[in-house]
């Protein structure tokens, strides 16, 4: 919901900057509810952050995956 709110008050840039800072120390990121990834706008903003996690050797997994996998891009 924070993303929707940030679009209304024009604070999306700030939201993703904070998220980027929070993800810097993350080695294993699990996406629990991925329904929001259907939003192309959101996914376009999130994908560079996920790529950054993977580039550091981290893992990004979805909770509905039967096993953890590491996707390198």
Protein backbone atom coordinates (compact mmCIF):
# COMPACT_ATOMS: atom_id res chain seq x y z
CA UNK A 1 0.00 0.00 0.00
CA UNK A 2 2.92 2.35 0.60
CA UNK A 3 3.71 2.33 -3.11
CA UNK A 4 0.15 3.34 -3.99
CA UNK A 5 0.32 6.09 -1.38
CA UNK A 6 3.67 7.27 -2.71
CA UNK A 7 2.20 7.67 -6.16
CA UNK A 8 -0.51 9.90 -4.75
CA UNK A 9 1.82 12.18 -2.79
CA UNK A 10 4.70 12.02 -5.30
CA UNK A 11 7.13 10.36 -2.87
CA UNK A 12 7.90 7.20 -4.90
CA UNK A 13 11.54 8.23 -5.36
CA UNK A 14 11.98 8.57 -1.60
CA UNK A 15 10.28 5.21 -1.01
CA UNK A 16 12.64 3.36 -3.35
CA UNK A 17 15.69 5.21 -2.01
CA UNK A 18 14.81 4.02 1.51
CA UNK A 19 14.20 0.51 0.23
CA UNK A 20 17.58 0.51 -1.52
CA UNK A 21 19.30 1.46 1.75
CA UNK A 22 17.43 -1.23 3.67
CA UNK A 23 18.34 -3.90 1.11
CA UNK A 24 22.08 -3.14 1.15
CA UNK A 25 22.76 -5.57 3.98
CA UNK A 26 20.38 -8.28 2.78
CA UNK A 27 21.80 -11.61 1.63
CA UNK A 28 18.58 -13.57 1.36
CA UNK A 29 15.41 -11.78 0.24
CA UNK A 30 12.13 -13.68 0.19
CA UNK A 31 9.19 -12.16 -1.65
CA UNK A 32 6.13 -13.41 0.20
CA UNK A 33 3.23 -11.92 -1.72
CA UNK A 34 4.16 -11.34 -5.34
CA UNK A 35 0.75 -10.26 -6.62
CA UNK A 36 1.96 -6.66 -6.64
CA UNK A 37 4.61 -7.59 -9.21
CA UNK A 38 1.85 -7.49 -11.83
CA UNK A 39 2.16 -3.70 -11.71
CA UNK A 40 4.69 -2.89 -14.43
CA UNK A 41 5.43 0.50 -12.88
CA UNK A 42 6.26 -1.08 -9.53
CA UNK A 43 8.22 -3.92 -11.06
CA UNK A 44 10.27 -1.49 -13.17
CA UNK A 45 11.28 0.37 -10.01
CA UNK A 46 11.91 -2.76 -7.93
CA UNK A 47 13.87 -4.83 -10.44
CA UNK A 48 17.10 -2.75 -10.23
CA UNK A 49 17.07 -3.26 -6.46
CA UNK A 50 16.66 -7.01 -6.86
CA UNK A 51 19.46 -7.06 -9.42
CA UNK A 52 21.66 -5.26 -6.90
CA UNK A 53 20.96 -7.90 -4.24
CA UNK A 54 21.80 -10.65 -6.73
CA UNK A 55 24.95 -8.85 -7.95
CA UNK A 56 26.30 -8.94 -4.38
CA UNK A 57 25.78 -12.71 -4.36
CA UNK A 58 22.47 -12.55 -2.53
CA UNK A 59 19.40 -14.62 -3.24
CA UNK A 60 15.94 -13.43 -4.16
CA UNK A 61 13.27 -16.08 -3.79
CA UNK A 62 9.51 -16.26 -3.91
CA UNK A 63 7.74 -17.96 -1.01
CA UNK A 64 5.78 -20.14 -3.42
CA UNK A 65 8.98 -21.66 -4.83
CA UNK A 66 9.47 -25.21 -3.65
CA UNK A 67 13.19 -24.66 -3.22
CA UNK A 68 15.45 -21.67 -2.99
CA UNK A 69 17.24 -20.76 -6.17
CA UNK A 70 19.76 -18.12 -6.96
CA UNK A 71 19.15 -16.15 -10.12
CA UNK A 72 22.18 -14.33 -11.42
CA UNK A 73 21.64 -11.51 -13.88
